[in-house]
């Protein structure tokens, strides 16, 4: 089954066309999704969203909706599923917005599938451009998607969420141990300096 058969695929907004150039020309300000908001493993991070001053009110199809799958159109082509907290963000043209037929496919499953190495390699082979190679929605439409039962799709994505949670906890533990090491090192140096002065 091809992605184009199970989903509607559009690209985000070309920002330069709608950017307000003069302060009094601003008709609306929107929260903007950028590359810095997404980690390479397909998760939103804690980076604040930029603001975009628009010269006009923008159409709703340029904004994220819970259950959308976004994919970066340039390397490393990271895909991410939009949750309730990320709804209403303005999507720029370097992302494609994929609206999946939810009766047959879980958006989380599609995001996971698009992040598989075999899919990324397929996208890499089809990329065009000299300076910044990128893909387009027509290429995305031709990606073969393996169809499995919804219950299995949910099982895979639950396992992925658990993996991400564990990864975050490990990272937090590493960060805390690094802070402890720094504090102990500082304390050791201070004690050594005091002894030298005696």
Protein backbone atom coordinates (compact mmCIF):
# COMPACT_ATOMS: atom_id res chain seq x y z
CA UNK A 1 0.00 0.00 0.00
CA UNK A 2 1.33 3.46 -0.90
CA UNK A 3 1.35 6.39 1.52
CA UNK A 4 -0.50 8.49 -1.07
CA UNK A 5 -3.37 5.95 -1.01
CA UNK A 6 -3.89 6.11 2.75
CA UNK A 7 -3.14 9.76 3.47
CA UNK A 8 -3.59 13.30 2.25
CA UNK A 9 -0.17 14.97 1.93
CA UNK A 10 0.42 18.73 1.76
CA UNK A 11 3.43 20.94 2.31
CA UNK A 12 3.60 23.75 4.83
CA UNK A 13 3.60 27.48 4.14
CA UNK A 14 6.35 29.29 2.25
CA UNK A 15 6.98 31.83 5.01
CA UNK A 16 8.53 34.56 2.85
CA UNK A 17 5.23 34.99 0.98
CA UNK A 18 3.29 35.90 4.12
CA UNK A 19 5.89 37.48 6.40
CA UNK A 20 4.98 40.98 7.56
CA UNK A 21 7.91 43.21 6.68
CA UNK A 22 6.75 46.34 8.49
CA UNK A 23 5.46 46.43 12.06
CA UNK A 24 2.12 48.05 11.22
CA UNK A 25 1.60 45.47 8.45
CA UNK A 26 1.21 42.61 10.99
CA UNK A 27 -2.29 41.12 10.76
CA UNK A 28 -1.66 38.10 13.01
CA UNK A 29 1.11 36.45 15.04
CA UNK A 30 1.37 32.66 15.14
CA UNK A 31 3.47 30.11 16.99
CA UNK A 32 5.83 28.60 14.41
CA UNK A 33 7.20 25.06 14.32
CA UNK A 34 10.90 24.99 13.41
CA UNK A 35 13.59 22.32 13.07
CA UNK A 36 14.93 23.14 16.55
CA UNK A 37 11.63 21.93 18.11
CA UNK A 38 12.06 18.34 16.93
CA UNK A 39 14.65 15.77 18.01
CA UNK A 40 16.15 13.36 15.48
CA UNK A 41 14.36 10.41 17.08
CA UNK A 42 10.94 11.88 16.26
CA UNK A 43 9.91 13.67 19.44
CA UNK A 44 9.05 17.25 20.32
CA UNK A 45 11.58 18.75 22.73
CA UNK A 46 11.29 21.60 25.24
CA UNK A 47 12.62 24.35 22.96
CA UNK A 48 10.18 27.31 22.84
CA UNK A 49 8.32 27.86 19.56
CA UNK A 50 9.25 30.92 17.48
CA UNK A 51 6.65 33.54 16.63
CA UNK A 52 5.75 34.44 13.07
CA UNK A 53 4.29 37.84 12.17
CA UNK A 54 1.99 37.41 9.19
CA UNK A 55 0.82 40.05 6.73
CA UNK A 56 -2.59 38.31 6.61
CA UNK A 57 -4.72 35.75 8.43
CA UNK A 58 -3.63 32.30 7.30
CA UNK A 59 -5.75 29.34 6.17
CA UNK A 60 -6.30 26.56 8.72
CA UNK A 61 -4.65 23.81 6.64
CA UNK A 62 -1.22 25.34 7.40
CA UNK A 63 -1.60 24.57 11.11
CA UNK A 64 -1.04 21.38 13.06
CA UNK A 65 -3.97 19.28 14.25
CA UNK A 66 -3.73 16.45 16.76
CA UNK A 67 -3.06 13.23 14.82
CA UNK A 68 -1.20 14.91 11.94
CA UNK A 69 2.13 13.38 10.98
CA UNK A 70 4.81 15.88 10.00
CA UNK A 71 7.93 14.92 8.09
CA UNK A 72 10.97 17.04 7.46
CA UNK A 73 11.55 17.29 3.70
CA UNK A 74 15.35 17.47 3.99
CA UNK A 75 17.84 15.09 5.57
CA UNK A 76 17.42 13.37 8.06
CA UNK A 77 13.69 13.33 7.10
CA UNK A 78 12.47 12.98 10.68
CA UNK A 79 8.76 12.25 11.09
CA UNK A 80 6.74 13.16 14.16
CA UNK A 81 3.15 12.70 15.30
CA UNK A 82 1.36 15.80 16.57
CA UNK A 83 -0.22 15.54 20.00
CA UNK A 84 -2.88 17.72 21.64
CA UNK A 85 -0.20 20.02 23.13
CA UNK A 86 1.27 20.77 19.69
CA UNK A 87 -2.00 21.61 17.94
CA UNK A 88 -2.31 25.01 16.26
CA UNK A 89 1.33 25.48 15.24
CA UNK A 90 2.14 27.07 11.90
CA UNK A 91 3.94 24.57 9.64
CA UNK A 92 6.64 25.96 7.31
CA UNK A 93 7.31 24.61 3.81
CA UNK A 94 10.27 22.47 4.88
CA UNK A 95 7.75 20.05 6.45
CA UNK A 96 5.02 17.98 4.82
CA UNK A 97 1.73 17.51 6.65
CA UNK A 98 0.37 13.97 6.40
CA UNK A 99 -3.26 13.36 7.33
CA UNK A 100 -3.71 9.60 7.69
CA UNK A 101 -6.90 7.58 7.27
CA UNK A 102 -7.31 6.82 11.00
CA UNK A 103 -9.79 3.99 10.38
CA UNK A 104 -6.93 1.86 9.05
CA UNK A 105 -3.73 3.46 10.32
CA UNK A 106 -2.52 4.97 13.56
CA UNK A 107 -0.70 8.30 13.01
CA UNK A 108 1.88 7.19 15.61
CA UNK A 109 2.51 4.02 13.57
CA UNK A 110 2.99 6.03 10.35
CA UNK A 111 5.45 8.39 12.11
CA UNK A 112 7.34 5.37 13.50
CA UNK A 113 7.34 3.69 10.09
CA UNK A 114 8.63 6.81 8.30
CA UNK A 115 11.49 7.01 10.83
CA UNK A 116 12.73 3.49 10.01
CA UNK A 117 16.21 3.38 8.46
CA UNK A 118 14.97 1.57 5.33
CA UNK A 119 12.43 4.32 4.62
CA UNK A 120 14.95 7.08 5.31
CA UNK A 121 17.44 5.45 2.92
CA UNK A 122 14.71 5.24 0.27
CA UNK A 123 14.00 8.95 0.73
CA UNK A 124 17.71 9.77 0.60
CA UNK A 125 18.03 8.04 -2.79
CA UNK A 126 15.17 10.07 -4.22
CA UNK A 127 16.34 13.47 -2.96
CA UNK A 128 16.97 16.27 -5.41
CA UNK A 129 18.83 19.54 -5.13
CA UNK A 130 22.47 20.50 -5.09
CA UNK A 131 23.00 22.63 -1.99
CA UNK A 132 20.30 21.25 0.30
CA UNK A 133 18.97 17.95 -1.04
CA UNK A 134 15.28 17.55 -0.27
CA UNK A 135 12.31 15.40 -1.11
CA UNK A 136 8.76 16.42 -2.04
CA UNK A 137 5.19 15.29 -1.50
CA UNK A 138 5.10 13.32 -4.79
CA UNK A 139 8.00 11.17 -3.57
CA UNK A 140 6.29 10.74 -0.19
CA UNK A 141 3.16 9.49 -1.93
CA UNK A 142 5.13 6.59 -3.43
CA UNK A 143 6.47 5.24 -0.13
CA UNK A 144 5.26 1.70 0.44
CA UNK A 145 3.60 1.30 3.85
CA UNK A 146 3.26 -2.14 5.42
CA UNK A 147 -0.33 -2.63 6.51
CA UNK A 148 -0.85 -4.49 9.79
CA UNK A 149 -3.80 -4.72 12.18
CA UNK A 150 -4.54 -1.56 14.20
CA UNK A 151 -4.00 -3.48 17.46
CA UNK A 152 -0.44 -4.38 16.34
CA UNK A 153 0.17 -0.79 15.24
CA UNK A 154 -0.84 0.41 18.72
CA UNK A 155 1.37 -2.24 20.37
CA UNK A 156 4.41 -1.06 18.36
CA UNK A 157 3.81 2.59 19.20
CA UNK A 158 3.25 1.85 22.91
CA UNK A 159 6.59 0.03 22.95
CA UNK A 160 8.19 3.03 21.23
CA UNK A 161 6.71 5.43 23.81
CA UNK A 162 8.07 3.25 26.61
CA UNK A 163 11.50 3.25 24.93
CA UNK A 164 11.44 7.07 24.66
CA UNK A 165 10.46 7.34 28.33
CA UNK A 166 13.32 5.06 29.38
CA UNK A 167 15.73 7.04 27.19
CA UNK A 168 14.64 10.30 28.86
CA UNK A 169 15.09 8.80 32.33
CA UNK A 170 18.56 7.51 31.45
CA UNK A 171 19.51 10.93 30.08
CA UNK A 172 18.22 12.61 33.24
CA UNK A 173 20.27 10.18 35.37
CA UNK A 174 23.41 10.87 33.27
CA UNK A 175 22.88 14.64 33.63
CA UNK A 176 22.43 14.34 37.41
CA UNK A 177 25.58 12.22 37.74
CA UNK A 178 27.55 14.76 35.70
CA UNK A 179 26.34 17.54 38.03
CA UNK A 180 27.34 15.45 41.05
CA UNK A 181 30.78 14.80 39.56
CA UNK A 182 31.26 18.54 38.87
CA UNK A 183 30.23 19.40 42.44
CA UNK A 184 32.55 16.78 43.93
CA UNK A 185 35.43 17.90 41.68
CA UNK A 186 34.91 21.54 42.71
CA UNK A 187 34.79 20.53 46.39
CA UNK A 188 37.97 18.46 46.01
CA UNK A 189 39.85 21.37 44.37
CA UNK A 190 38.68 23.84 47.07
CA UNK A 191 39.81 21.48 49.84
CA UNK A 192 43.19 20.97 48.13
CA UNK A 193 43.71 24.74 47.82
CA UNK A 194 42.89 25.26 51.51
CA UNK A 195 45.41 22.58 52.53
CA UNK A 196 48.11 24.18 50.38
CA UNK A 197 47.61 27.51 52.12
CA UNK A 198 48.08 25.98 55.59
